[in-house]
């Protein structure tokens, strides 16, 4: 799947059909995150690749999408290493979401629920206290084709040269 197909086909999926996520695919997904831009090239991120069922089941207590996921990736940031750590994590997550889609899997960006239970999730994954567990991405196969959510028309959100000019 090419990049623009991955962008057009990416959808947020919260329940998954049973599937194997190979080690090679998991490494390719994390590599896509590693290659994302970072402010001043500080690279304040680290990634936790999760494939063991018991870890996924424990994470399901934080967010139910992990109950049926076949794998997951956690994005860990060091806020002391860069003031742009949140933007960097967001860029990495988007790269990984597109890689997940391109490889034929599905995912959803888990961040809001994580904010409320970050300490619990950090403990489960052994993340040091001084680091932030910013985003978790469950990975699996969509049980059925999932259309992308409705988006505003391009002509409604795109201006030319100045805000408001079409």
N, C-alpha and C. Protein backbone atom coordinates (compact mmCIF):
# COMPACT_ATOMS: atom_id res chain seq x y z
N UNK A 1 0.85 -1.17 0.00
CA UNK A 1 0.00 0.00 0.00
C UNK A 1 0.90 1.24 0.00
N UNK A 2 0.59 2.19 -0.86
CA UNK A 2 1.42 3.40 -0.88
C UNK A 2 0.95 4.38 0.21
N UNK A 3 1.71 5.44 0.40
CA UNK A 3 1.45 6.38 1.48
C UNK A 3 0.05 6.97 1.41
N UNK A 4 -0.36 7.42 0.23
CA UNK A 4 -1.65 8.09 0.13
C UNK A 4 -2.81 7.11 0.33
N UNK A 5 -2.63 5.85 -0.05
CA UNK A 5 -3.63 4.83 0.26
C UNK A 5 -3.71 4.61 1.77
N UNK A 6 -2.56 4.58 2.43
CA UNK A 6 -2.55 4.40 3.89
C UNK A 6 -3.25 5.57 4.58
N UNK A 7 -3.01 6.78 4.10
CA UNK A 7 -3.68 7.95 4.67
C UNK A 7 -5.18 7.85 4.47
N UNK A 8 -5.60 7.48 3.26
CA UNK A 8 -7.03 7.39 2.94
C UNK A 8 -7.72 6.25 3.68
N UNK A 9 -7.01 5.18 3.97
CA UNK A 9 -7.61 3.99 4.57
C UNK A 9 -7.46 3.89 6.09
N UNK A 10 -6.62 4.73 6.70
CA UNK A 10 -6.41 4.65 8.14
C UNK A 10 -7.71 5.00 8.86
N UNK A 11 -8.07 4.18 9.82
CA UNK A 11 -9.27 4.42 10.62
C UNK A 11 -8.98 4.00 12.06
N UNK A 12 -9.70 4.58 12.99
CA UNK A 12 -9.54 4.21 14.40
C UNK A 12 -10.37 2.96 14.68
N UNK A 13 -9.68 1.88 15.03
CA UNK A 13 -10.33 0.60 15.31
C UNK A 13 -10.04 0.23 16.76
N UNK A 14 -11.08 -0.12 17.50
CA UNK A 14 -10.93 -0.38 18.93
C UNK A 14 -11.14 -1.83 19.33
N UNK A 15 -11.53 -2.68 18.39
CA UNK A 15 -11.70 -4.11 18.64
C UNK A 15 -11.11 -4.85 17.45
N UNK A 16 -10.46 -5.98 17.70
CA UNK A 16 -9.68 -6.65 16.67
C UNK A 16 -10.04 -8.12 16.55
N UNK A 17 -9.85 -8.63 15.33
CA UNK A 17 -9.98 -10.07 15.07
C UNK A 17 -8.64 -10.72 15.42
N UNK A 18 -8.64 -11.99 15.79
CA UNK A 18 -7.37 -12.67 16.09
C UNK A 18 -6.42 -12.61 14.88
N UNK A 19 -5.17 -12.30 15.15
CA UNK A 19 -4.16 -12.22 14.09
C UNK A 19 -2.78 -12.27 14.73
N UNK A 20 -1.82 -12.72 13.96
CA UNK A 20 -0.43 -12.68 14.41
C UNK A 20 0.22 -11.43 13.84
N UNK A 21 0.90 -10.68 14.70
CA UNK A 21 1.73 -9.56 14.25
C UNK A 21 3.16 -10.07 14.34
N UNK A 22 3.80 -10.21 13.20
CA UNK A 22 5.14 -10.78 13.19
C UNK A 22 6.15 -9.84 13.84
N UNK A 23 7.24 -10.41 14.30
CA UNK A 23 8.34 -9.61 14.87
C UNK A 23 8.85 -8.62 13.83
N UNK A 24 8.94 -9.06 12.59
CA UNK A 24 9.41 -8.18 11.51
C UNK A 24 8.46 -6.99 11.33
N UNK A 25 7.15 -7.24 11.34
CA UNK A 25 6.19 -6.15 11.21
C UNK A 25 6.26 -5.21 12.41
N UNK A 26 6.38 -5.76 13.61
CA UNK A 26 6.47 -4.94 14.81
C UNK A 26 7.71 -4.05 14.77
N UNK A 27 8.82 -4.60 14.33
CA UNK A 27 10.05 -3.81 14.19
C UNK A 27 9.88 -2.71 13.13
N UNK A 28 9.20 -3.04 12.04
CA UNK A 28 8.99 -2.06 10.98
C UNK A 28 8.09 -0.91 11.48
N UNK A 29 7.09 -1.24 12.27
CA UNK A 29 6.20 -0.23 12.84
C UNK A 29 6.98 0.69 13.78
N UNK A 30 7.77 0.12 14.68
CA UNK A 30 8.57 0.94 15.60
C UNK A 30 9.60 1.76 14.83
N UNK A 31 10.18 1.20 13.79
CA UNK A 31 11.15 1.94 12.99
C UNK A 31 10.50 3.15 12.33
N UNK A 32 9.24 3.02 11.92
CA UNK A 32 8.53 4.17 11.35
C UNK A 32 8.41 5.28 12.39
N UNK A 33 8.16 4.92 13.65
CA UNK A 33 8.11 5.92 14.72
C UNK A 33 9.47 6.53 14.99
N UNK A 34 10.49 5.71 14.99
CA UNK A 34 11.86 6.18 15.23
C UNK A 34 12.30 7.18 14.17
N UNK A 35 11.81 7.04 12.96
CA UNK A 35 12.21 7.90 11.85
C UNK A 35 11.42 9.22 11.78
N UNK A 36 10.47 9.41 12.66
CA UNK A 36 9.69 10.65 12.66
C UNK A 36 10.60 11.83 13.01
N UNK A 37 10.25 13.01 12.53
CA UNK A 37 11.05 14.18 12.90
C UNK A 37 10.93 14.48 14.39
N UNK A 38 11.97 15.10 14.94
CA UNK A 38 11.91 15.55 16.33
C UNK A 38 12.53 16.93 16.41
N UNK A 39 12.00 17.76 17.30
CA UNK A 39 12.48 19.12 17.45
C UNK A 39 13.98 19.16 17.72
N UNK A 40 14.71 19.91 16.90
CA UNK A 40 16.17 20.05 17.00
C UNK A 40 16.87 18.69 16.96
N UNK A 41 16.21 17.70 16.40
CA UNK A 41 16.73 16.32 16.31
C UNK A 41 17.17 15.78 17.67
N UNK A 42 16.47 16.18 18.72
CA UNK A 42 16.81 15.73 20.08
C UNK A 42 16.48 14.25 20.30
N UNK A 43 15.50 13.73 19.57
CA UNK A 43 15.11 12.32 19.65
C UNK A 43 14.86 11.88 21.10
N UNK A 44 13.87 12.50 21.77
CA UNK A 44 13.62 12.19 23.18
C UNK A 44 12.72 10.97 23.42
N UNK A 45 12.48 10.19 22.37
CA UNK A 45 11.51 9.09 22.48
C UNK A 45 12.17 7.73 22.56
N UNK A 46 11.47 6.84 23.22
CA UNK A 46 11.80 5.41 23.22
C UNK A 46 10.48 4.68 23.03
N UNK A 47 10.55 3.44 22.60
CA UNK A 47 9.36 2.69 22.24
C UNK A 47 9.36 1.34 22.94
N UNK A 48 8.19 0.93 23.40
CA UNK A 48 8.04 -0.39 24.01
C UNK A 48 7.18 -1.23 23.08
N UNK A 49 7.76 -2.28 22.50
CA UNK A 49 7.01 -3.21 21.66
C UNK A 49 6.43 -4.29 22.56
N UNK A 50 5.14 -4.49 22.46
CA UNK A 50 4.43 -5.41 23.35
C UNK A 50 3.77 -6.50 22.51
N UNK A 51 4.09 -7.76 22.81
CA UNK A 51 3.50 -8.87 22.06
C UNK A 51 3.00 -10.00 22.96
N UNK A 52 3.33 -9.96 24.25
CA UNK A 52 2.90 -11.04 25.15
C UNK A 52 1.46 -10.82 25.57
N UNK A 53 0.69 -11.89 25.51
CA UNK A 53 -0.74 -11.83 25.83
C UNK A 53 -0.97 -11.32 27.25
N UNK A 54 -0.14 -11.75 28.21
CA UNK A 54 -0.36 -11.33 29.60
C UNK A 54 -0.16 -9.82 29.77
N UNK A 55 0.76 -9.23 29.02
CA UNK A 55 0.96 -7.78 29.09
C UNK A 55 -0.22 -7.06 28.46
N UNK A 56 -0.68 -7.55 27.32
CA UNK A 56 -1.84 -6.94 26.65
C UNK A 56 -3.08 -7.04 27.54
N UNK A 57 -3.26 -8.18 28.20
CA UNK A 57 -4.40 -8.35 29.09
C UNK A 57 -4.32 -7.38 30.27
N UNK A 58 -3.13 -7.17 30.80
CA UNK A 58 -2.96 -6.22 31.90
C UNK A 58 -3.28 -4.80 31.43
N UNK A 59 -2.87 -4.45 30.21
CA UNK A 59 -3.17 -3.13 29.66
C UNK A 59 -4.66 -2.95 29.39
N UNK A 60 -5.37 -4.05 29.18
CA UNK A 60 -6.82 -3.97 28.94
C UNK A 60 -7.54 -3.35 30.13
N UNK A 61 -6.95 -3.41 31.32
CA UNK A 61 -7.54 -2.75 32.48
C UNK A 61 -7.46 -1.23 32.35
N UNK A 62 -6.49 -0.75 31.57
CA UNK A 62 -6.33 0.68 31.33
C UNK A 62 -7.23 1.12 30.18
N UNK A 63 -7.28 0.30 29.12
CA UNK A 63 -8.10 0.62 27.95
C UNK A 63 -8.51 -0.69 27.29
N UNK A 64 -9.80 -0.89 27.10
CA UNK A 64 -10.30 -2.19 26.65
C UNK A 64 -9.83 -2.60 25.26
N UNK A 65 -9.36 -1.69 24.43
CA UNK A 65 -8.89 -2.05 23.09
C UNK A 65 -7.76 -3.08 23.14
N UNK A 66 -7.03 -3.13 24.25
CA UNK A 66 -5.91 -4.07 24.35
C UNK A 66 -6.37 -5.50 24.58
N UNK A 67 -7.62 -5.70 24.98
CA UNK A 67 -8.13 -7.04 25.25
C UNK A 67 -8.12 -7.92 24.00
N UNK A 68 -8.37 -7.33 22.83
CA UNK A 68 -8.39 -8.12 21.60
C UNK A 68 -7.20 -7.81 20.69
N UNK A 69 -6.32 -6.91 21.11
CA UNK A 69 -5.15 -6.57 20.29
C UNK A 69 -4.17 -7.74 20.27
N UNK A 70 -3.45 -7.86 19.16
CA UNK A 70 -2.42 -8.90 19.01
C UNK A 70 -1.05 -8.40 19.43
N UNK A 71 -0.88 -7.09 19.47
CA UNK A 71 0.39 -6.47 19.84
C UNK A 71 0.09 -5.01 20.18
N UNK A 72 1.11 -4.29 20.59
CA UNK A 72 0.95 -2.86 20.88
C UNK A 72 2.32 -2.21 20.90
N UNK A 73 2.31 -0.89 20.81
CA UNK A 73 3.54 -0.11 20.97
C UNK A 73 3.24 1.04 21.92
N UNK A 74 4.12 1.23 22.89
CA UNK A 74 4.04 2.37 23.79
C UNK A 74 5.10 3.39 23.40
N UNK A 75 4.73 4.64 23.41
CA UNK A 75 5.67 5.72 23.12
C UNK A 75 6.03 6.40 24.43
N UNK A 76 7.31 6.37 24.77
CA UNK A 76 7.82 6.93 26.01
C UNK A 76 8.66 8.16 25.67
N UNK A 77 8.43 9.25 26.40
CA UNK A 77 9.17 10.49 26.15
C UNK A 77 9.90 10.93 27.40
N UNK A 78 11.02 11.60 27.18
CA UNK A 78 11.78 12.21 28.27
C UNK A 78 11.55 13.72 28.20
N UNK A 79 10.66 14.27 29.04
CA UNK A 79 10.37 15.70 28.98
C UNK A 79 11.59 16.58 29.27
N UNK A 80 12.60 16.02 29.94
CA UNK A 80 13.81 16.80 30.23
C UNK A 80 14.76 16.85 29.04
N UNK A 81 14.56 16.00 28.05
CA UNK A 81 15.47 15.95 26.90
C UNK A 81 15.08 16.93 25.81
N UNK A 82 13.81 17.34 25.79
CA UNK A 82 13.36 18.24 24.73
C UNK A 82 12.06 18.90 25.15
N UNK A 83 11.94 20.18 24.87
CA UNK A 83 10.67 20.85 25.18
C UNK A 83 9.59 20.49 24.18
N UNK A 84 9.96 19.81 23.09
CA UNK A 84 9.00 19.42 22.05
C UNK A 84 8.61 17.95 22.14
N UNK A 85 8.77 17.35 23.31
CA UNK A 85 8.54 15.91 23.45
C UNK A 85 7.14 15.49 23.06
N UNK A 86 6.12 16.31 23.35
CA UNK A 86 4.75 15.93 23.01
C UNK A 86 4.53 15.97 21.49
N UNK A 87 5.04 17.00 20.84
CA UNK A 87 4.95 17.07 19.38
C UNK A 87 5.71 15.92 18.73
N UNK A 88 6.88 15.61 19.28
CA UNK A 88 7.69 14.51 18.75
C UNK A 88 6.94 13.18 18.87
N UNK A 89 6.31 12.96 20.02
CA UNK A 89 5.55 11.72 20.21
C UNK A 89 4.37 11.66 19.25
N UNK A 90 3.74 12.80 19.01
CA UNK A 90 2.61 12.83 18.07
C UNK A 90 3.04 12.50 16.66
N UNK A 91 4.18 13.04 16.23
CA UNK A 91 4.70 12.73 14.89
C UNK A 91 5.04 11.25 14.78
N UNK A 92 5.65 10.70 15.81
CA UNK A 92 6.00 9.28 15.80
C UNK A 92 4.74 8.41 15.74
N UNK A 93 3.72 8.79 16.51
CA UNK A 93 2.47 8.02 16.51
C UNK A 93 1.83 8.03 15.14
N UNK A 94 1.80 9.17 14.48
CA UNK A 94 1.20 9.23 13.15
C UNK A 94 1.98 8.37 12.16
N UNK A 95 3.30 8.44 12.21
CA UNK A 95 4.10 7.56 11.34
C UNK A 95 3.75 6.10 11.58
N UNK A 96 3.65 5.72 12.85
CA UNK A 96 3.36 4.32 13.18
C UNK A 96 1.94 3.93 12.77
N UNK A 97 0.98 4.82 12.95
CA UNK A 97 -0.40 4.52 12.53
C UNK A 97 -0.46 4.28 11.02
N UNK A 98 0.29 5.06 10.26
CA UNK A 98 0.31 4.85 8.81
C UNK A 98 1.03 3.56 8.45
N UNK A 99 2.10 3.24 9.16
CA UNK A 99 2.80 1.97 8.92
C UNK A 99 1.90 0.79 9.26
N UNK A 100 1.18 0.88 10.37
CA UNK A 100 0.25 -0.17 10.78
C UNK A 100 -0.78 -0.40 9.68
N UNK A 101 -1.34 0.67 9.15
CA UNK A 101 -2.33 0.57 8.07
C UNK A 101 -1.71 -0.02 6.82
N UNK A 102 -0.52 0.45 6.45
CA UNK A 102 0.14 -0.03 5.24
C UNK A 102 0.45 -1.53 5.32
N UNK A 103 0.68 -2.03 6.52
CA UNK A 103 0.98 -3.46 6.70
C UNK A 103 -0.29 -4.32 6.82
N UNK A 104 -1.45 -3.68 6.73
CA UNK A 104 -2.70 -4.43 6.75
C UNK A 104 -3.32 -4.62 8.12
N UNK A 105 -2.80 -3.91 9.11
CA UNK A 105 -3.34 -3.98 10.46
C UNK A 105 -4.18 -2.74 10.74
N UNK A 106 -4.71 -2.66 11.95
CA UNK A 106 -5.49 -1.51 12.38
C UNK A 106 -5.05 -1.12 13.79
N UNK A 107 -5.39 0.10 14.19
CA UNK A 107 -5.00 0.59 15.51
C UNK A 107 -5.90 1.76 15.90
N UNK A 108 -5.66 2.28 17.07
CA UNK A 108 -6.30 3.50 17.53
C UNK A 108 -5.31 4.20 18.46
N UNK A 109 -5.31 5.51 18.42
CA UNK A 109 -4.43 6.32 19.26
C UNK A 109 -5.02 6.35 20.67
N UNK A 110 -4.35 5.77 21.65
CA UNK A 110 -4.82 5.77 23.04
C UNK A 110 -3.98 6.78 23.81
N UNK A 111 -4.63 7.88 24.17
CA UNK A 111 -3.94 8.93 24.91
C UNK A 111 -4.82 9.48 26.01
N UNK A 112 -6.07 9.79 25.72
CA UNK A 112 -6.96 10.39 26.72
C UNK A 112 -7.15 9.51 27.94
N UNK A 113 -7.48 8.24 27.73
CA UNK A 113 -7.63 7.28 28.82
C UNK A 113 -6.31 7.13 29.56
N UNK A 114 -5.23 7.15 28.81
CA UNK A 114 -3.90 6.96 29.38
C UNK A 114 -3.55 8.08 30.36
N UNK A 115 -3.96 9.31 30.04
CA UNK A 115 -3.66 10.44 30.93
C UNK A 115 -4.20 10.19 32.33
N UNK A 116 -5.39 9.59 32.42
CA UNK A 116 -6.03 9.34 33.71
C UNK A 116 -5.37 8.20 34.47
N UNK A 117 -4.73 7.27 33.72
CA UNK A 117 -4.18 6.06 34.36
C UNK A 117 -2.73 5.82 33.96
N UNK A 118 -2.02 6.92 33.69
CA UNK A 118 -0.63 6.79 33.23
C UNK A 118 0.24 6.06 34.25
N UNK A 119 0.08 6.38 35.52
CA UNK A 119 0.91 5.74 36.55
C UNK A 119 0.75 4.23 36.55
N UNK A 120 -0.49 3.78 36.43
CA UNK A 120 -0.76 2.34 36.40
C UNK A 120 -0.12 1.69 35.16
N UNK A 121 -0.29 2.33 34.01
CA UNK A 121 0.29 1.79 32.77
C UNK A 121 1.82 1.82 32.82
N UNK A 122 2.39 2.89 33.38
CA UNK A 122 3.85 2.97 33.52
C UNK A 122 4.37 1.84 34.39
N UNK A 123 3.68 1.57 35.48
CA UNK A 123 4.09 0.47 36.36
C UNK A 123 4.05 -0.87 35.62
N UNK A 124 2.98 -1.11 34.87
CA UNK A 124 2.85 -2.36 34.11
C UNK A 124 4.00 -2.56 33.13
N UNK A 125 4.45 -1.44 32.53
CA UNK A 125 5.48 -1.52 31.49
C UNK A 125 6.88 -1.17 31.99
N UNK A 126 7.02 -0.89 33.27
CA UNK A 126 8.34 -0.61 33.83
C UNK A 126 8.94 0.71 33.39
N UNK A 127 8.11 1.70 33.08
CA UNK A 127 8.59 3.00 32.63
C UNK A 127 9.09 3.79 33.84
N UNK A 128 10.32 4.33 33.79
CA UNK A 128 10.85 5.10 34.91
C UNK A 128 9.98 6.32 35.25
N UNK A 129 9.97 6.70 36.51
CA UNK A 129 9.12 7.79 37.01
C UNK A 129 9.35 9.10 36.27
N UNK A 130 10.60 9.39 35.88
CA UNK A 130 10.92 10.68 35.25
C UNK A 130 10.51 10.74 33.78
N UNK A 131 10.06 9.63 33.22
CA UNK A 131 9.65 9.60 31.81
C UNK A 131 8.14 9.60 31.72
N UNK A 132 7.62 9.95 30.56
CA UNK A 132 6.18 9.96 30.31
C UNK A 132 5.81 8.86 29.33
N UNK A 133 4.78 8.12 29.65
CA UNK A 133 4.18 7.17 28.71
C UNK A 133 3.09 7.96 28.00
N UNK A 134 3.40 8.43 26.81
CA UNK A 134 2.57 9.44 26.15
C UNK A 134 1.40 8.83 25.38
N UNK A 135 1.68 7.80 24.61
CA UNK A 135 0.68 7.22 23.71
C UNK A 135 0.88 5.71 23.68
N UNK A 136 -0.23 4.98 23.63
CA UNK A 136 -0.20 3.54 23.40
C UNK A 136 -0.98 3.24 22.12
N UNK A 137 -0.44 2.36 21.29
CA UNK A 137 -1.10 1.97 20.05
C UNK A 137 -1.37 0.47 20.07
N UNK A 138 -2.62 0.03 20.31
CA UNK A 138 -2.92 -1.39 20.16
C UNK A 138 -2.88 -1.74 18.67
N UNK A 139 -2.49 -2.96 18.35
CA UNK A 139 -2.37 -3.38 16.95
C UNK A 139 -3.09 -4.70 16.76
N UNK A 140 -3.86 -4.79 15.69
CA UNK A 140 -4.55 -6.03 15.36
C UNK A 140 -5.15 -5.94 13.97
N UNK A 141 -5.93 -6.91 13.62
CA UNK A 141 -6.65 -6.91 12.34
C UNK A 141 -8.06 -6.40 12.60
N UNK A 142 -8.54 -5.51 11.75
CA UNK A 142 -9.92 -5.06 11.86
C UNK A 142 -10.84 -6.24 11.55
N UNK A 143 -11.88 -6.45 12.36
CA UNK A 143 -12.76 -7.59 12.12
C UNK A 143 -13.58 -7.47 10.84
N UNK A 144 -13.70 -6.25 10.34
CA UNK A 144 -14.41 -5.99 9.09
C UNK A 144 -13.84 -4.71 8.51
N UNK A 145 -14.08 -4.45 7.23
CA UNK A 145 -13.59 -3.19 6.66
C UNK A 145 -14.15 -2.01 7.46
N UNK A 146 -13.27 -1.09 7.77
CA UNK A 146 -13.66 0.06 8.59
C UNK A 146 -13.49 1.33 7.78
N UNK A 147 -14.59 1.99 7.43
CA UNK A 147 -14.45 3.23 6.67
C UNK A 147 -13.85 4.32 7.54
N UNK A 148 -13.13 5.22 6.91
CA UNK A 148 -12.58 6.36 7.63
C UNK A 148 -13.73 7.25 8.09
N UNK A 149 -13.59 7.88 9.23
CA UNK A 149 -14.61 8.80 9.73
C UNK A 149 -14.81 9.93 8.72
N UNK A 150 -16.01 10.48 8.69
CA UNK A 150 -16.29 11.59 7.79
C UNK A 150 -15.34 12.75 8.10
N UNK A 151 -14.82 13.33 7.07
CA UNK A 151 -13.94 14.49 7.21
C UNK A 151 -14.58 15.67 6.49
N UNK A 152 -14.29 16.86 6.96
CA UNK A 152 -14.80 18.05 6.28
C UNK A 152 -14.23 18.09 4.86
N UNK A 153 -14.98 18.65 3.91
CA UNK A 153 -14.47 18.76 2.54
C UNK A 153 -13.20 19.61 2.50
N UNK A 154 -12.30 19.25 1.61
CA UNK A 154 -11.03 19.97 1.47
C UNK A 154 -11.26 21.46 1.23
N UNK A 155 -12.22 21.81 0.38
CA UNK A 155 -12.46 23.22 0.08
C UNK A 155 -12.98 24.00 1.29
N UNK A 156 -13.47 23.30 2.30
CA UNK A 156 -13.94 23.97 3.51
C UNK A 156 -12.78 24.30 4.46
N UNK A 157 -11.70 23.55 4.38
CA UNK A 157 -10.60 23.75 5.33
C UNK A 157 -9.33 24.33 4.70
N UNK A 158 -9.30 24.45 3.37
CA UNK A 158 -8.10 24.92 2.68
C UNK A 158 -8.29 26.35 2.16
N UNK A 159 -7.37 27.22 2.54
CA UNK A 159 -7.36 28.59 2.04
C UNK A 159 -6.13 28.78 1.17
N UNK A 160 -6.11 29.86 0.41
CA UNK A 160 -4.99 30.16 -0.49
C UNK A 160 -4.35 31.48 -0.08
N UNK A 161 -3.08 31.44 0.18
CA UNK A 161 -2.24 32.60 0.48
C UNK A 161 -2.55 33.26 1.82
N UNK A 162 -3.83 33.48 2.16
CA UNK A 162 -4.20 34.08 3.44
C UNK A 162 -5.45 33.39 3.96
N UNK A 163 -5.57 33.40 5.28
CA UNK A 163 -6.74 32.80 5.91
C UNK A 163 -8.00 33.44 5.34
N UNK A 164 -8.93 32.60 4.94
CA UNK A 164 -10.21 33.07 4.42
C UNK A 164 -10.27 33.21 2.91
N UNK A 165 -9.10 33.20 2.24
CA UNK A 165 -9.09 33.34 0.77
C UNK A 165 -9.18 31.97 0.13
N UNK A 166 -10.08 31.82 -0.81
CA UNK A 166 -10.26 30.54 -1.49
C UNK A 166 -9.78 30.64 -2.92
